[in-house]
N, C-alpha and C. Protein backbone atom coordinates (compact mmCIF):
# COMPACT_ATOMS: atom_id res chain seq x y z
N UNK A 1 14.25 -17.98 7.24
CA UNK A 1 12.99 -16.87 7.76
C UNK A 1 11.34 -17.46 7.92
N UNK A 2 11.15 -17.50 9.54
CA UNK A 2 9.16 -17.50 9.46
C UNK A 2 8.63 -17.04 8.58
N UNK A 3 7.68 -18.19 8.32
CA UNK A 3 6.19 -17.41 7.88
C UNK A 3 6.39 -15.62 8.99
N UNK A 4 5.32 -15.97 9.66
CA UNK A 4 5.67 -15.03 10.78
C UNK A 4 6.20 -13.41 10.06
N UNK A 5 7.73 -13.68 10.40
CA UNK A 5 8.62 -12.94 10.15
C UNK A 5 8.77 -12.32 8.64
N UNK A 6 8.16 -12.91 7.68
CA UNK A 6 7.94 -12.93 6.17
C UNK A 6 7.08 -11.61 5.70
N UNK A 7 5.93 -11.87 7.09
CA UNK A 7 4.54 -11.52 6.66
C UNK A 7 5.26 -10.18 7.22
N UNK A 8 5.49 -9.72 8.67
CA UNK A 8 6.22 -9.06 8.89
C UNK A 8 6.69 -7.48 8.31
N UNK A 9 7.52 -8.10 7.69
CA UNK A 9 9.17 -7.34 6.28
C UNK A 9 8.21 -7.15 5.25
N UNK A 10 7.21 -7.98 4.54
CA UNK A 10 6.17 -7.67 3.42
C UNK A 10 4.64 -6.17 4.38
N UNK A 11 4.91 -6.40 5.40
CA UNK A 11 3.57 -6.06 5.24
C UNK A 11 4.88 -4.07 5.80
N UNK A 12 5.76 -4.64 6.33
CA UNK A 12 6.32 -3.27 5.89
C UNK A 12 6.68 -2.58 5.28
N UNK A 13 7.28 -3.66 3.88
CA UNK A 13 7.03 -3.10 2.96
C UNK A 13 6.27 -2.15 2.27
N UNK A 14 4.96 -3.15 2.91
CA UNK A 14 3.88 -2.54 1.91
C UNK A 14 3.39 -0.94 2.64
N UNK A 15 3.08 -1.27 3.52
CA UNK A 15 3.95 0.40 4.27
C UNK A 15 4.32 1.44 3.51
N UNK A 16 5.82 1.39 3.73
CA UNK A 16 5.94 1.72 2.48
C UNK A 16 6.27 2.75 1.36
N UNK A 17 5.45 1.45 0.47
CA UNK A 17 4.52 1.57 -0.22
C UNK A 17 4.13 2.56 -0.15
N UNK A 18 3.29 2.47 0.46
CA UNK A 18 1.93 3.73 0.77
C UNK A 18 2.34 4.70 0.84
N UNK A 19 3.18 4.99 1.31
CA UNK A 19 4.17 6.13 2.21
C UNK A 19 4.58 6.83 0.36
N UNK A 20 5.67 5.82 0.10
CA UNK A 20 5.91 6.13 -1.50
C UNK A 20 4.37 6.90 -2.45
N UNK A 21 3.28 6.05 -2.30
CA UNK A 21 2.08 6.49 -3.62
C UNK A 21 1.78 7.36 -2.59
N UNK A 22 1.67 7.82 -1.28
CA UNK A 22 0.60 8.63 -0.78
C UNK A 22 1.26 9.94 -1.40
N UNK A 23 2.38 10.50 -2.03
CA UNK A 23 2.32 11.56 -2.65
C UNK A 23 1.99 11.71 -4.47
N UNK A 24 1.97 10.67 -4.34
CA UNK A 24 2.23 10.61 -6.59
C UNK A 24 0.22 10.51 -6.60
N UNK A 25 -0.29 10.38 -5.09
CA UNK A 25 -2.00 9.56 -5.81
C UNK A 25 -2.76 11.01 -6.05
N UNK A 26 -3.93 10.27 -7.28
CA UNK A 26 -4.11 11.93 -7.77
C UNK A 26 -5.54 12.50 -7.15
N UNK A 27 -5.77 13.79 -7.04
CA UNK A 27 -6.70 14.29 -6.29
C UNK A 27 -7.75 14.09 -5.77
N UNK A 28 -8.68 13.43 -7.07
CA UNK A 28 -9.63 13.00 -7.06
C UNK A 28 -9.61 11.88 -6.30
N UNK A 29 -9.17 11.50 -5.31
CA UNK A 29 -9.20 9.94 -4.44
C UNK A 29 -10.92 10.20 -3.33
N UNK A 30 -10.70 8.80 -3.29
CA UNK A 30 -12.13 8.91 -2.11
C UNK A 30 -12.27 10.02 -1.48
N UNK A 31 -13.37 9.59 0.05
CA UNK A 31 -13.31 10.53 1.14
C UNK A 31 -12.48 9.49 2.36
N UNK A 32 -11.72 10.39 3.26
CA UNK A 32 -11.51 10.05 4.80
C UNK A 32 -11.94 8.15 5.09
N UNK A 33 -13.40 8.46 5.14
CA UNK A 33 -14.32 7.86 5.91
C UNK A 33 -14.03 6.18 4.24
N UNK A 34 -14.15 6.18 2.96
CA UNK A 34 -14.18 5.76 1.72
C UNK A 34 -12.43 4.89 2.83
N UNK A 35 -11.76 6.07 2.39
CA UNK A 35 -10.43 5.32 1.99
C UNK A 35 -10.32 4.31 3.71
N UNK A 36 -10.88 4.62 4.71
CA UNK A 36 -10.17 3.66 6.25
C UNK A 36 -11.44 2.68 5.42
N UNK A 37 -12.69 2.91 5.27
CA UNK A 37 -13.31 1.24 5.20
C UNK A 37 -12.93 0.22 3.74
N UNK A 38 -11.65 1.14 3.09
CA UNK A 38 -11.19 0.23 2.79
C UNK A 38 -10.39 -0.65 2.72
N UNK A 39 -9.48 -0.03 3.72
CA UNK A 39 -8.01 -0.29 4.20
C UNK A 39 -8.62 -1.27 5.42
N UNK A 40 -9.38 -1.61 5.39
CA UNK A 40 -10.35 -2.41 6.60
C UNK A 40 -9.71 -1.48 8.18
N UNK A 41 -9.68 -0.64 8.39
CA UNK A 41 -9.99 0.31 9.84
C UNK A 41 -11.09 -0.61 10.70
N UNK A 42 -10.45 -0.41 11.50
CA UNK A 42 -10.91 -0.97 12.88
C UNK A 42 -11.30 0.31 14.56
N UNK A 43 -10.64 0.81 13.86
CA UNK A 43 -10.26 2.87 14.93
C UNK A 43 -10.67 3.23 14.21
N UNK A 44 -10.47 4.39 14.48
CA UNK A 44 -10.96 5.80 13.88
C UNK A 44 -9.26 6.39 13.01
N UNK A 45 -9.47 6.52 11.63
CA UNK A 45 -8.09 7.10 11.18
C UNK A 45 -7.09 8.15 12.02
N UNK A 46 -5.80 8.37 11.88
CA UNK A 46 -5.59 9.64 12.62
C UNK A 46 -4.62 9.72 12.22
N UNK A 47 -4.82 11.11 11.77
CA UNK A 47 -3.50 11.79 10.92
C UNK A 47 -2.63 11.51 11.17
N UNK A 48 -1.48 11.64 10.23
CA UNK A 48 -0.33 11.54 10.16
C UNK A 48 0.19 12.69 9.36
N UNK A 49 0.18 13.16 8.63
CA UNK A 49 0.37 14.26 7.62
C UNK A 49 -0.96 15.30 7.66
N UNK A 50 -0.93 16.62 6.35
CA UNK A 50 -2.24 17.38 6.27
C UNK A 50 -3.05 15.59 5.16
N UNK A 51 -2.58 14.83 4.48
CA UNK A 51 -3.54 14.16 3.39
C UNK A 51 -2.97 12.66 4.01
N UNK A 52 -1.92 11.73 4.70
CA UNK A 52 -1.57 10.83 4.96
C UNK A 52 -2.23 10.31 6.44
N UNK A 53 -2.72 9.01 6.58
CA UNK A 53 -3.94 8.50 7.34
C UNK A 53 -2.98 6.86 8.01
N UNK A 54 -3.19 6.90 9.28
CA UNK A 54 -3.02 5.18 9.60
C UNK A 54 -3.94 5.39 10.42
N UNK A 55 -4.66 4.01 11.13
CA UNK A 55 -5.87 3.50 12.11
C UNK A 55 -5.11 1.98 11.90
N UNK A 56 -6.23 1.05 13.11
CA UNK A 56 -5.55 -0.50 12.94
C UNK A 56 -6.68 -1.42 12.01
N UNK A 57 -6.28 -1.89 11.90
CA UNK A 57 -7.43 -3.31 11.26
C UNK A 57 -8.24 -4.17 12.17
N UNK A 58 -9.12 -5.11 11.29
CA UNK A 58 -9.05 -6.11 12.65
C UNK A 58 -8.38 -6.96 13.03
N UNK A 59 -7.36 -7.31 12.62
CA UNK A 59 -6.03 -7.85 13.09
C UNK A 59 -5.36 -7.57 13.85
N UNK A 60 -5.10 -6.13 14.01
CA UNK A 60 -3.93 -5.84 14.95
C UNK A 60 -2.77 -4.81 14.28
N UNK A 61 -2.98 -4.90 12.98
CA UNK A 61 -2.05 -4.31 11.76
C UNK A 61 -2.13 -2.74 11.26
N UNK A 62 -1.26 -1.81 11.19
CA UNK A 62 -1.50 -0.79 11.37
C UNK A 62 -1.69 -0.46 9.52
N UNK A 63 -2.98 0.65 9.44
CA UNK A 63 -2.45 0.73 7.33
C UNK A 63 -2.87 1.95 7.58
N UNK A 64 -1.92 1.90 6.16
CA UNK A 64 -1.45 3.60 6.30
C UNK A 64 -2.71 3.85 4.79
N UNK A 65 -2.96 4.81 4.44
CA UNK A 65 -3.37 5.03 3.58
C UNK A 65 -3.52 7.17 3.29
N UNK A 66 -3.29 7.87 1.84
CA UNK A 66 -3.98 9.50 2.28
C UNK A 66 -5.15 9.58 1.45
N UNK A 67 -5.56 10.73 2.01
CA UNK A 67 -6.52 11.09 1.44
C UNK A 67 -6.51 13.15 1.00
N UNK A 68 -6.17 13.58 -0.03
CA UNK A 68 -5.78 14.74 -0.64
C UNK A 68 -7.15 15.73 -0.19
N UNK A 69 -5.97 16.79 0.38
CA UNK A 69 -6.82 17.52 1.15
C UNK A 69 -7.92 17.15 2.08
N UNK A 70 -8.14 16.90 2.58
CA UNK A 70 -9.27 16.32 3.55
C UNK A 70 -9.98 17.81 3.91
N UNK A 71 -9.25 18.25 4.23
CA UNK A 71 -9.91 19.47 5.29
C UNK A 71 -10.77 20.47 4.75
N UNK A 72 -10.03 20.72 2.81
CA UNK A 72 -11.14 21.67 2.55
C UNK A 72 -12.64 21.15 1.69
N UNK A 73 -12.47 19.97 2.46
CA UNK A 73 -13.82 19.06 1.89
C UNK A 73 -13.45 18.20 0.46
N UNK A 74 -12.51 18.42 -0.40
CA UNK A 74 -12.22 18.26 -1.23
C UNK A 74 -11.52 17.98 -2.15
N UNK A 75 -11.33 17.57 -3.55
CA UNK A 75 -10.17 17.68 -3.87
C UNK A 75 -9.42 19.60 -4.02
N UNK A 76 -8.27 19.68 -4.21
CA UNK A 76 -7.03 20.70 -3.60
C UNK A 76 -7.28 21.52 -5.14
N UNK A 77 -7.17 22.56 -5.07
CA UNK A 77 -7.80 23.87 -6.41
C UNK A 77 -6.55 23.34 -7.07
N UNK A 78 -6.73 23.39 -8.20
CA UNK A 78 -5.20 22.69 -9.85
C UNK A 78 -4.61 24.35 -9.60
N UNK A 79 -3.04 24.12 -9.54
CA UNK A 79 -2.92 24.93 -9.40
C UNK A 79 -1.86 25.94 -10.65
N UNK A 80 -2.48 26.97 -10.73
CA UNK A 80 -2.47 28.48 -11.22
C UNK A 80 -0.83 28.09 -12.26
N UNK A 81 -0.69 29.12 -13.17
CA UNK A 81 0.15 29.04 -14.08
C UNK A 81 1.35 29.42 -13.18
N UNK A 82 1.12 30.37 -11.92
CA UNK A 82 2.25 31.85 -12.00
C UNK A 82 2.91 30.49 -10.37
N UNK A 83 1.67 29.91 -9.82
CA UNK A 83 2.62 29.15 -9.23
C UNK A 83 2.99 27.62 -9.97
N UNK A 84 3.28 28.36 -10.99
CA UNK A 84 3.97 26.62 -11.16
C UNK A 84 4.85 27.07 -12.19
N UNK A 85 5.72 28.39 -11.94
CA UNK A 85 6.70 28.45 -12.34
C UNK A 85 8.03 28.39 -11.21
N UNK A 86 8.64 28.40 -12.25
CA UNK A 86 10.03 28.27 -11.42
C UNK A 86 10.71 29.63 -10.62
N UNK A 87 11.58 29.87 -9.74
CA UNK A 87 11.73 31.40 -9.43
C UNK A 87 13.41 31.06 -10.38
N UNK A 88 13.58 32.53 -10.41
CA UNK A 88 14.91 32.26 -11.67
C UNK A 88 15.99 31.83 -11.40
N UNK A 89 15.82 31.75 -10.24
CA UNK A 89 17.54 30.80 -9.40
C UNK A 89 17.23 29.35 -9.33
N UNK A 90 16.54 29.17 -9.86
CA UNK A 90 15.48 27.59 -9.00
C UNK A 90 17.36 26.59 -10.31
N UNK A 91 16.96 25.62 -9.31
CA UNK A 91 18.07 24.72 -10.05
C UNK A 91 17.49 23.74 -11.03
N UNK A 92 17.89 23.55 -12.60
CA UNK A 92 17.10 22.57 -13.20
C UNK A 92 17.39 21.16 -13.57
N UNK A 93 16.92 20.51 -13.33
CA UNK A 93 17.59 19.41 -14.30
C UNK A 93 17.16 18.72 -15.81
N UNK A 94 18.65 18.76 -16.26
CA UNK A 94 18.53 17.97 -17.33
C UNK A 94 17.60 17.00 -18.21
N UNK A 95 16.97 17.39 -19.28
CA UNK A 95 16.09 16.09 -19.33
C UNK A 95 17.04 14.93 -19.79
N UNK A 96 17.70 14.71 -19.76
CA UNK A 96 18.91 13.51 -19.59
C UNK A 96 18.68 12.25 -18.11
N UNK A 97 19.87 13.46 -17.41
CA UNK A 97 19.24 13.05 -15.75
C UNK A 97 17.44 13.30 -15.32
N UNK A 98 16.70 13.57 -16.10
CA UNK A 98 15.29 13.49 -15.63
C UNK A 98 14.81 12.04 -15.91
N UNK A 99 15.85 11.66 -17.48
CA UNK A 99 15.34 10.25 -18.11
C UNK A 99 15.81 9.84 -17.57
N UNK A 100 17.58 9.23 -16.87
CA UNK A 100 17.76 8.37 -15.83
C UNK A 100 17.63 8.74 -14.54
N UNK A 101 16.36 9.62 -13.55
CA UNK A 101 16.22 9.32 -12.80
C UNK A 101 14.61 8.29 -12.93
N UNK A 102 13.95 8.75 -14.28
CA UNK A 102 12.37 8.30 -14.23
C UNK A 102 12.52 6.37 -14.30
N UNK A 103 13.64 6.59 -14.85
CA UNK A 103 14.01 5.11 -15.13
C UNK A 103 14.49 4.10 -14.36
N UNK A 104 14.87 4.97 -13.87
CA UNK A 104 15.67 4.51 -11.92
C UNK A 104 14.35 3.92 -11.48
N UNK A 105 13.33 5.22 -11.26
CA UNK A 105 12.08 4.85 -10.59
C UNK A 105 11.54 3.74 -11.40
N UNK A 106 11.16 3.37 -12.34
CA UNK A 106 10.59 2.60 -13.74
C UNK A 106 11.02 1.05 -12.55
N UNK A 107 12.73 1.09 -12.52
CA UNK A 107 12.67 -0.58 -12.72
C UNK A 107 12.54 -0.82 -10.95
N UNK A 108 12.81 0.54 -9.94
CA UNK A 108 12.91 0.28 -8.97
C UNK A 108 10.68 -0.99 -8.76
N UNK A 109 10.17 -0.14 -9.23
CA UNK A 109 8.79 -0.20 -9.32
C UNK A 109 8.81 -1.86 -10.00
N UNK A 110 9.01 -1.63 -11.28
CA UNK A 110 8.82 -3.32 -11.72
C UNK A 110 9.63 -4.19 -10.47
N UNK A 111 11.12 -3.56 -9.87
CA UNK A 111 11.29 -4.76 -8.93
C UNK A 111 11.09 -5.30 -8.19
N UNK A 112 9.52 -3.91 -7.62
CA UNK A 112 8.84 -4.51 -6.43
C UNK A 112 8.16 -4.37 -7.05
N UNK A 113 7.56 -5.33 -7.82
CA UNK A 113 5.86 -5.37 -8.26
C UNK A 113 6.68 -7.09 -8.54
N UNK A 114 7.66 -7.32 -9.29
CA UNK A 114 8.15 -8.70 -9.50
C UNK A 114 7.89 -9.09 -8.39
N UNK A 115 8.32 -8.53 -7.44
CA UNK A 115 8.57 -9.53 -5.64
C UNK A 115 7.35 -10.26 -5.03
N UNK A 116 6.47 -8.71 -5.55
CA UNK A 116 5.31 -8.21 -4.92
C UNK A 116 4.61 -9.68 -5.49
N UNK A 117 4.24 -10.21 -6.59
CA UNK A 117 3.95 -10.70 -7.23
C UNK A 117 4.04 -12.33 -7.03
N UNK A 118 5.09 -12.57 -6.90
CA UNK A 118 6.16 -13.82 -6.09
C UNK A 118 5.61 -14.11 -4.77
N UNK A 119 5.52 -13.28 -3.81
CA UNK A 119 4.55 -13.48 -3.10
C UNK A 119 3.20 -13.64 -2.33
N UNK A 120 2.56 -13.17 -3.91
CA UNK A 120 1.20 -13.25 -3.77
C UNK A 120 1.03 -14.78 -4.05
N UNK A 121 1.73 -15.01 -4.99
CA UNK A 121 1.76 -16.69 -5.56
C UNK A 121 2.19 -17.49 -4.11
N UNK A 122 2.89 -16.99 -3.68
CA UNK A 122 3.33 -17.92 -2.86
C UNK A 122 1.86 -18.14 -1.06
N UNK A 123 1.71 -16.58 -1.42
CA UNK A 123 0.24 -16.87 0.05
C UNK A 123 -1.01 -16.84 -0.33
N UNK A 124 -1.45 -16.99 -2.19
CA UNK A 124 -2.26 -17.82 -2.77
C UNK A 124 -2.02 -19.00 -2.51
N UNK A 125 -0.85 -19.57 -2.36
CA UNK A 125 -0.47 -21.53 -2.51
C UNK A 125 -1.02 -21.44 -0.49
N UNK A 126 -0.17 -20.74 0.29
CA UNK A 126 0.14 -21.17 1.56
C UNK A 126 -1.83 -21.02 2.08
N UNK A 127 -2.87 -20.61 0.72
CA UNK A 127 -4.14 -19.66 1.87
C UNK A 127 -4.32 -21.23 0.86
N UNK A 128 -4.32 -21.73 0.25
CA UNK A 128 -4.83 -22.99 -0.51
C UNK A 128 -6.55 -23.28 -0.54
N UNK A 129 -6.60 -21.70 -1.12
CA UNK A 129 -8.76 -21.34 -1.22
C UNK A 129 -9.12 -21.78 -0.21
N UNK A 130 -8.47 -21.52 0.76
CA UNK A 130 -9.28 -21.29 1.95
C UNK A 130 -9.75 -22.43 2.36
N UNK A 131 -8.70 -23.43 2.23
CA UNK A 131 -8.43 -24.58 2.95
C UNK A 131 -6.75 -25.40 2.79
N UNK A 132 -6.26 -24.73 3.23
CA UNK A 132 -5.21 -25.13 3.51
C UNK A 132 -4.87 -25.76 4.42
N UNK A 133 -4.31 -27.30 4.58
CA UNK A 133 -3.49 -28.65 5.10
C UNK A 133 -3.72 -27.78 6.61
N UNK A 134 -4.05 -28.68 7.62
CA UNK A 134 -3.92 -27.72 9.25
C UNK A 134 -2.57 -28.63 10.13
N UNK A 135 -1.73 -27.47 10.40
CA UNK A 135 -1.03 -27.87 11.40
C UNK A 135 -1.01 -28.79 12.44
N UNK A 136 0.55 -29.58 13.08
CA UNK A 136 -0.18 -30.24 13.97
C UNK A 136 -1.08 -30.12 15.08
N UNK A 137 -0.62 -28.90 15.56
CA UNK A 137 -1.31 -28.29 16.73
C UNK A 137 -2.56 -27.19 16.20
N UNK A 138 -2.63 -27.34 15.42
CA UNK A 138 -4.91 -26.59 14.74
C UNK A 138 -5.52 -28.25 14.47
N UNK A 139 -5.10 -29.60 14.42
CA UNK A 139 -5.50 -30.79 14.64
C UNK A 139 -6.72 -30.97 15.99
N UNK A 140 -6.56 -30.46 16.57
CA UNK A 140 -7.62 -30.31 18.06
C UNK A 140 -8.36 -28.66 18.29
N UNK A 141 -8.00 -28.14 17.99
CA UNK A 141 -8.14 -26.40 18.10
C UNK A 141 -8.28 -25.87 16.78
N UNK A 142 -9.75 -25.76 16.31
CA UNK A 142 -10.43 -25.30 15.00
C UNK A 142 -9.78 -24.10 15.05
N UNK A 143 -10.53 -23.18 16.25
CA UNK A 143 -10.50 -22.00 16.36
C UNK A 143 -8.92 -21.27 16.25
N UNK A 144 -7.83 -21.79 16.35
CA UNK A 144 -6.28 -22.01 15.75
C UNK A 144 -5.89 -21.55 14.41
N UNK A 145 -6.55 -22.61 14.15
CA UNK A 145 -6.29 -23.34 12.29
C UNK A 145 -7.85 -22.32 12.22
N UNK A 146 -9.30 -21.21 12.26
CA UNK A 146 -9.57 -19.74 11.99
C UNK A 146 -9.01 -19.06 11.58
N UNK A 147 -8.06 -19.26 12.55
CA UNK A 147 -7.54 -17.65 13.15
C UNK A 147 -6.26 -17.57 12.23
N UNK A 148 -5.73 -19.15 11.90
CA UNK A 148 -4.25 -18.66 10.44
C UNK A 148 -5.23 -18.41 9.30
N UNK A 149 -6.32 -19.33 8.90
CA UNK A 149 -6.92 -19.25 7.51
C UNK A 149 -7.54 -17.45 7.21
N UNK A 150 -7.67 -17.14 8.55
CA UNK A 150 -7.90 -16.14 8.50
C UNK A 150 -6.92 -14.44 8.11
N UNK A 151 -5.49 -15.05 8.57
CA UNK A 151 -4.18 -14.22 8.56
C UNK A 151 -3.94 -14.91 6.90
N UNK A 152 -3.95 -15.77 6.68
CA UNK A 152 -3.64 -15.87 4.81
C UNK A 152 -4.50 -15.47 3.78
N UNK A 153 -5.92 -15.42 4.47
CA UNK A 153 -6.62 -14.71 3.88
C UNK A 153 -6.28 -13.07 3.59
N UNK A 154 -5.77 -12.39 4.53
CA UNK A 154 -5.93 -11.23 4.42
C UNK A 154 -4.02 -11.01 3.76
N UNK A 155 -3.28 -11.74 3.99
CA UNK A 155 -2.20 -11.63 3.62
C UNK A 155 -2.49 -11.86 1.95
N UNK A 156 -3.33 -12.33 1.27
CA UNK A 156 -3.26 -12.33 -0.02
C UNK A 156 -4.19 -11.34 -0.48
N UNK A 157 -5.01 -11.18 0.47
CA UNK A 157 -5.73 -9.41 -0.31
C UNK A 157 -4.37 -8.48 -0.18
N UNK A 158 -3.85 -8.42 0.48
CA UNK A 158 -2.53 -7.13 0.44
C UNK A 158 -2.19 -7.55 -0.41
N UNK A 159 -0.88 -8.55 -0.92
CA UNK A 159 -0.45 -9.08 -1.44
C UNK A 159 -1.16 -7.73 -2.74
N UNK A 160 -2.53 -8.81 -2.99
CA UNK A 160 -3.40 -7.97 -4.18
C UNK A 160 -3.32 -6.57 -3.86
N UNK A 161 -3.61 -6.22 -3.22
CA UNK A 161 -3.94 -4.15 -3.85
C UNK A 161 -2.83 -3.87 -3.67
N UNK A 162 -1.38 -4.73 -3.00
CA UNK A 162 0.05 -4.13 -4.01
C UNK A 162 0.01 -4.10 -4.84
N UNK A 163 0.33 -5.11 -5.63
CA UNK A 163 -0.09 -5.42 -6.82
C UNK A 163 -0.91 -4.66 -7.56
N UNK A 164 -2.36 -4.51 -7.37
CA UNK A 164 -2.98 -3.50 -8.08
C UNK A 164 -2.33 -2.06 -7.75
N UNK A 165 -1.79 -1.48 -6.86
CA UNK A 165 -1.34 -0.50 -6.74
C UNK A 165 0.12 0.45 -7.31
N UNK A 166 1.00 -0.92 -7.18
CA UNK A 166 2.36 -0.90 -8.10
C UNK A 166 2.11 -1.16 -9.82
N UNK A 167 0.90 -1.61 -10.39
CA UNK A 167 0.62 -2.03 -12.22
C UNK A 167 0.23 -0.46 -11.93
N UNK A 168 -0.75 0.35 -11.04
CA UNK A 168 -1.79 1.81 -11.54
C UNK A 168 -0.07 3.16 -11.48
N UNK A 169 0.83 2.85 -10.48
CA UNK A 169 1.72 3.85 -9.87
C UNK A 169 2.76 3.46 -11.50
N UNK A 170 3.07 2.19 -12.01
CA UNK A 170 3.69 1.88 -13.47
C UNK A 170 3.33 2.71 -14.86
N UNK A 171 1.47 2.38 -15.16
CA UNK A 171 0.97 2.62 -15.52
C UNK A 171 0.67 4.09 -15.99
N UNK A 172 1.20 5.75 -15.26
CA UNK A 172 1.77 6.75 -14.91
C UNK A 172 2.78 7.56 -15.86
């Protein structure tokens, strides 16, 4: 698999991770403008659902992020005791089943973290502290070399954010 294909696969994994984390993000998250800025948006964020947004970054990739309850201008209200109660006929999961599910979820997150850390190490090696060896076609084209360095830098940042998000999710 060439590095561009690998990068796109990684990007799709990152997007999938963002979708998964969107459900579990605490309600005290930053505003829409803050999250768009953090994600490197170059375009106006577009709502995909009530709290999930996407935008295009400077590099032309789509960034996905969530902002809980932006319509109300703040965090959603805490659920009342009445809304926490399940209906009487609602199916219940026994403790062992829930524990098995939690363990499976943790294993998936651990595996994803290990994969992301490996990809981060590779991205950092490719980036070479901002001065990777120029490829033959880049020796006479400084702009092409600069663009590759920028893509490599963005790849490192993406993997760093993914590792950080996975570690945060594992702490919950």
